Amino acid sequence: MRKLLPLLFIAGTISTAQARDTSAVRQACGSEVRTLCAGIMPGGGRIKQCMIEKFDKLSDGCRNALKDAKAQQGGK
């Protein structure tokens, strides 16, 4: 279940392009989500909110992956 946490803050139906972005986010942010949002229960946008609140603590690679994924979704 913990491996899925980074996926939970990317909303919407995942197209092939979005799946690549999700994979990039999972690779870039997985350990940070597990560390920074360890006590957060998935669902209801809680992981996404945690990542927003901890954005300044994320590595540059994770921040860039999140920004790229958001851009690919049309900025949603």
N, C-alpha and C. Protein backbone atom coordinates (compact mmCIF):
# COMPACT_ATOMS: atom_id res chain seq x y z
N MET A 1 0.82 -1.19 0.00
CA MET A 1 0.00 0.00 0.00
C MET A 1 0.86 1.26 0.00
N ARG A 2 1.95 1.25 0.73
CA ARG A 2 2.81 2.43 0.80
C ARG A 2 3.41 2.80 -0.55
N LYS A 3 3.62 1.81 -1.41
CA LYS A 3 4.16 2.10 -2.73
C LYS A 3 3.16 2.86 -3.58
N LEU A 4 1.90 2.77 -3.25
CA LEU A 4 0.86 3.45 -4.02
C LEU A 4 0.62 4.88 -3.57
N LEU A 5 1.14 5.27 -2.43
CA LEU A 5 0.85 6.59 -1.89
C LEU A 5 1.15 7.73 -2.85
N PRO A 6 2.29 7.75 -3.53
CA PRO A 6 2.53 8.86 -4.45
C PRO A 6 1.50 8.96 -5.56
N LEU A 7 0.85 7.86 -5.88
CA LEU A 7 -0.15 7.88 -6.95
C LEU A 7 -1.44 8.55 -6.51
N LEU A 8 -1.69 8.56 -5.22
CA LEU A 8 -2.97 9.02 -4.73
C LEU A 8 -3.20 10.51 -4.89
N PHE A 9 -2.13 11.30 -5.00
CA PHE A 9 -2.34 12.73 -5.13
C PHE A 9 -2.39 13.19 -6.58
N ILE A 10 -2.36 12.24 -7.51
CA ILE A 10 -2.56 12.59 -8.91
C ILE A 10 -3.97 12.15 -9.27
N ALA A 11 -4.84 13.13 -9.42
CA ALA A 11 -6.26 12.83 -9.62
C ALA A 11 -6.57 12.59 -11.09
N GLY A 12 -7.73 11.98 -11.33
CA GLY A 12 -8.25 11.81 -12.67
C GLY A 12 -7.90 10.47 -13.28
N THR A 13 -8.45 10.23 -14.44
CA THR A 13 -8.18 9.02 -15.20
C THR A 13 -6.79 9.12 -15.78
N ILE A 14 -6.04 8.05 -15.72
CA ILE A 14 -4.65 8.08 -16.15
C ILE A 14 -4.55 7.58 -17.58
N SER A 15 -4.12 8.49 -18.46
CA SER A 15 -3.85 8.11 -19.85
C SER A 15 -2.42 7.55 -19.91
N THR A 16 -1.99 7.15 -21.09
CA THR A 16 -0.64 6.63 -21.24
C THR A 16 0.39 7.68 -20.85
N ALA A 17 0.20 8.91 -21.31
CA ALA A 17 1.13 9.99 -20.95
C ALA A 17 1.10 10.25 -19.46
N GLN A 18 -0.09 10.24 -18.89
CA GLN A 18 -0.20 10.47 -17.45
C GLN A 18 0.43 9.32 -16.67
N ALA A 19 0.34 8.11 -17.19
CA ALA A 19 0.95 6.97 -16.53
C ALA A 19 2.46 7.15 -16.45
N ARG A 20 3.06 7.68 -17.52
CA ARG A 20 4.50 7.96 -17.49
C ARG A 20 4.81 9.01 -16.44
N ASP A 21 3.97 10.06 -16.36
CA ASP A 21 4.18 11.10 -15.36
C ASP A 21 4.02 10.54 -13.96
N THR A 22 3.04 9.67 -13.77
CA THR A 22 2.82 9.05 -12.47
C THR A 22 4.03 8.23 -12.06
N SER A 23 4.58 7.51 -13.03
CA SER A 23 5.77 6.71 -12.75
C SER A 23 6.94 7.62 -12.36
N ALA A 24 7.08 8.74 -13.04
CA ALA A 24 8.15 9.69 -12.73
C ALA A 24 7.96 10.27 -11.33
N VAL A 25 6.71 10.59 -10.98
CA VAL A 25 6.43 11.13 -9.65
C VAL A 25 6.71 10.06 -8.59
N ARG A 26 6.27 8.85 -8.85
CA ARG A 26 6.50 7.77 -7.89
C ARG A 26 8.00 7.58 -7.67
N GLN A 27 8.77 7.60 -8.73
CA GLN A 27 10.21 7.41 -8.62
C GLN A 27 10.86 8.59 -7.91
N ALA A 28 10.45 9.80 -8.24
CA ALA A 28 11.08 10.99 -7.68
C ALA A 28 10.63 11.30 -6.25
N CYS A 29 9.39 10.94 -5.91
CA CYS A 29 8.81 11.39 -4.65
C CYS A 29 8.46 10.28 -3.66
N GLY A 30 8.55 9.05 -4.08
CA GLY A 30 8.08 7.94 -3.24
C GLY A 30 8.63 7.95 -1.83
N SER A 31 9.94 8.06 -1.70
CA SER A 31 10.53 8.01 -0.36
C SER A 31 10.17 9.25 0.45
N GLU A 32 10.01 10.39 -0.23
CA GLU A 32 9.64 11.61 0.49
C GLU A 32 8.20 11.56 0.99
N VAL A 33 7.31 10.98 0.20
CA VAL A 33 5.93 10.82 0.65
C VAL A 33 5.89 9.92 1.87
N ARG A 34 6.64 8.82 1.80
CA ARG A 34 6.67 7.89 2.94
C ARG A 34 7.25 8.55 4.18
N THR A 35 8.21 9.44 4.01
CA THR A 35 8.84 10.10 5.16
C THR A 35 8.01 11.28 5.66
N LEU A 36 7.68 12.20 4.77
CA LEU A 36 7.01 13.44 5.17
C LEU A 36 5.53 13.26 5.50
N CYS A 37 4.90 12.27 4.90
CA CYS A 37 3.46 12.07 5.09
C CYS A 37 3.18 10.70 5.71
N ALA A 38 4.09 10.23 6.52
CA ALA A 38 4.03 8.87 7.06
C ALA A 38 2.73 8.59 7.83
N GLY A 39 2.23 9.53 8.57
CA GLY A 39 1.04 9.27 9.38
C GLY A 39 -0.27 9.60 8.70
N ILE A 40 -0.22 9.93 7.43
CA ILE A 40 -1.41 10.35 6.70
C ILE A 40 -2.08 9.13 6.07
N MET A 41 -3.38 8.98 6.33
CA MET A 41 -4.16 7.90 5.71
C MET A 41 -4.51 8.30 4.28
N PRO A 42 -4.28 7.42 3.31
CA PRO A 42 -4.64 7.72 1.93
C PRO A 42 -6.15 7.89 1.77
N GLY A 43 -6.51 8.68 0.79
CA GLY A 43 -7.92 8.89 0.46
C GLY A 43 -8.37 10.30 0.79
N GLY A 44 -9.35 10.75 0.07
CA GLY A 44 -9.92 12.06 0.32
C GLY A 44 -8.99 13.21 0.06
N GLY A 45 -7.94 12.99 -0.71
CA GLY A 45 -7.00 14.06 -1.05
C GLY A 45 -6.01 14.37 0.06
N ARG A 46 -5.94 13.51 1.08
CA ARG A 46 -5.06 13.80 2.22
C ARG A 46 -3.58 13.76 1.86
N ILE A 47 -3.17 12.82 1.02
CA ILE A 47 -1.76 12.75 0.61
C ILE A 47 -1.42 13.97 -0.24
N LYS A 48 -2.29 14.31 -1.15
CA LYS A 48 -2.07 15.51 -1.97
C LYS A 48 -1.93 16.74 -1.09
N GLN A 49 -2.79 16.89 -0.11
CA GLN A 49 -2.73 18.04 0.79
C GLN A 49 -1.44 18.04 1.59
N CYS A 50 -1.01 16.88 2.03
CA CYS A 50 0.26 16.77 2.75
C CYS A 50 1.41 17.23 1.87
N MET A 51 1.42 16.79 0.63
CA MET A 51 2.49 17.19 -0.28
C MET A 51 2.48 18.69 -0.55
N ILE A 52 1.30 19.27 -0.63
CA ILE A 52 1.19 20.72 -0.81
C ILE A 52 1.77 21.43 0.41
N GLU A 53 1.40 20.96 1.60
CA GLU A 53 1.87 21.58 2.83
C GLU A 53 3.38 21.42 3.02
N LYS A 54 3.94 20.33 2.52
CA LYS A 54 5.37 20.04 2.70
C LYS A 54 6.18 20.37 1.45
N PHE A 55 5.58 21.07 0.49
CA PHE A 55 6.21 21.31 -0.80
C PHE A 55 7.62 21.89 -0.65
N ASP A 56 7.81 22.81 0.28
CA ASP A 56 9.11 23.44 0.45
C ASP A 56 10.16 22.48 1.00
N LYS A 57 9.76 21.33 1.53
CA LYS A 57 10.69 20.34 2.07
C LYS A 57 11.04 19.26 1.05
N LEU A 58 10.37 19.27 -0.10
CA LEU A 58 10.61 18.26 -1.13
C LEU A 58 11.90 18.54 -1.88
N SER A 59 12.51 17.50 -2.40
CA SER A 59 13.71 17.67 -3.21
C SER A 59 13.34 18.36 -4.52
N ASP A 60 14.33 18.93 -5.17
CA ASP A 60 14.09 19.56 -6.46
C ASP A 60 13.54 18.56 -7.47
N GLY A 61 14.06 17.34 -7.44
CA GLY A 61 13.59 16.32 -8.37
C GLY A 61 12.12 15.99 -8.18
N CYS A 62 11.70 15.88 -6.95
CA CYS A 62 10.29 15.61 -6.65
C CYS A 62 9.41 16.79 -7.05
N ARG A 63 9.83 17.99 -6.69
CA ARG A 63 9.05 19.18 -7.06
C ARG A 63 8.90 19.28 -8.57
N ASN A 64 9.98 19.04 -9.29
CA ASN A 64 9.93 19.11 -10.76
C ASN A 64 9.01 18.05 -11.33
N ALA A 65 9.06 16.84 -10.79
CA ALA A 65 8.19 15.77 -11.27
C ALA A 65 6.72 16.12 -11.03
N LEU A 66 6.42 16.69 -9.87
CA LEU A 66 5.05 17.11 -9.57
C LEU A 66 4.58 18.22 -10.50
N LYS A 67 5.43 19.19 -10.73
CA LYS A 67 5.10 20.29 -11.64
C LYS A 67 4.87 19.77 -13.06
N ASP A 68 5.73 18.86 -13.52
CA ASP A 68 5.59 18.30 -14.86
C ASP A 68 4.28 17.52 -14.98
N ALA A 69 3.96 16.72 -13.97
CA ALA A 69 2.73 15.93 -14.00
C ALA A 69 1.52 16.86 -14.03
N LYS A 70 1.56 17.91 -13.25
CA LYS A 70 0.44 18.86 -13.22
C LYS A 70 0.30 19.54 -14.58
N ALA A 71 1.41 19.93 -15.18
CA ALA A 71 1.37 20.56 -16.50
C ALA A 71 0.78 19.62 -17.55
N GLN A 72 1.13 18.33 -17.47
CA GLN A 72 0.62 17.35 -18.42
C GLN A 72 -0.89 17.15 -18.26
N GLN A 73 -1.40 17.43 -17.08
CA GLN A 73 -2.84 17.30 -16.81
C GLN A 73 -3.57 18.59 -17.14
N GLY A 74 -2.86 19.54 -17.71
CA GLY A 74 -3.51 20.79 -18.05
C GLY A 74 -3.61 21.75 -16.88
N GLY A 75 -2.75 21.59 -15.87
CA GLY A 75 -2.73 22.50 -14.74
C GLY A 75 -3.84 22.30 -13.75
N LYS A 76 -4.54 21.19 -13.81
CA LYS A 76 -5.67 20.92 -12.89
C LYS A 76 -5.21 20.86 -11.47
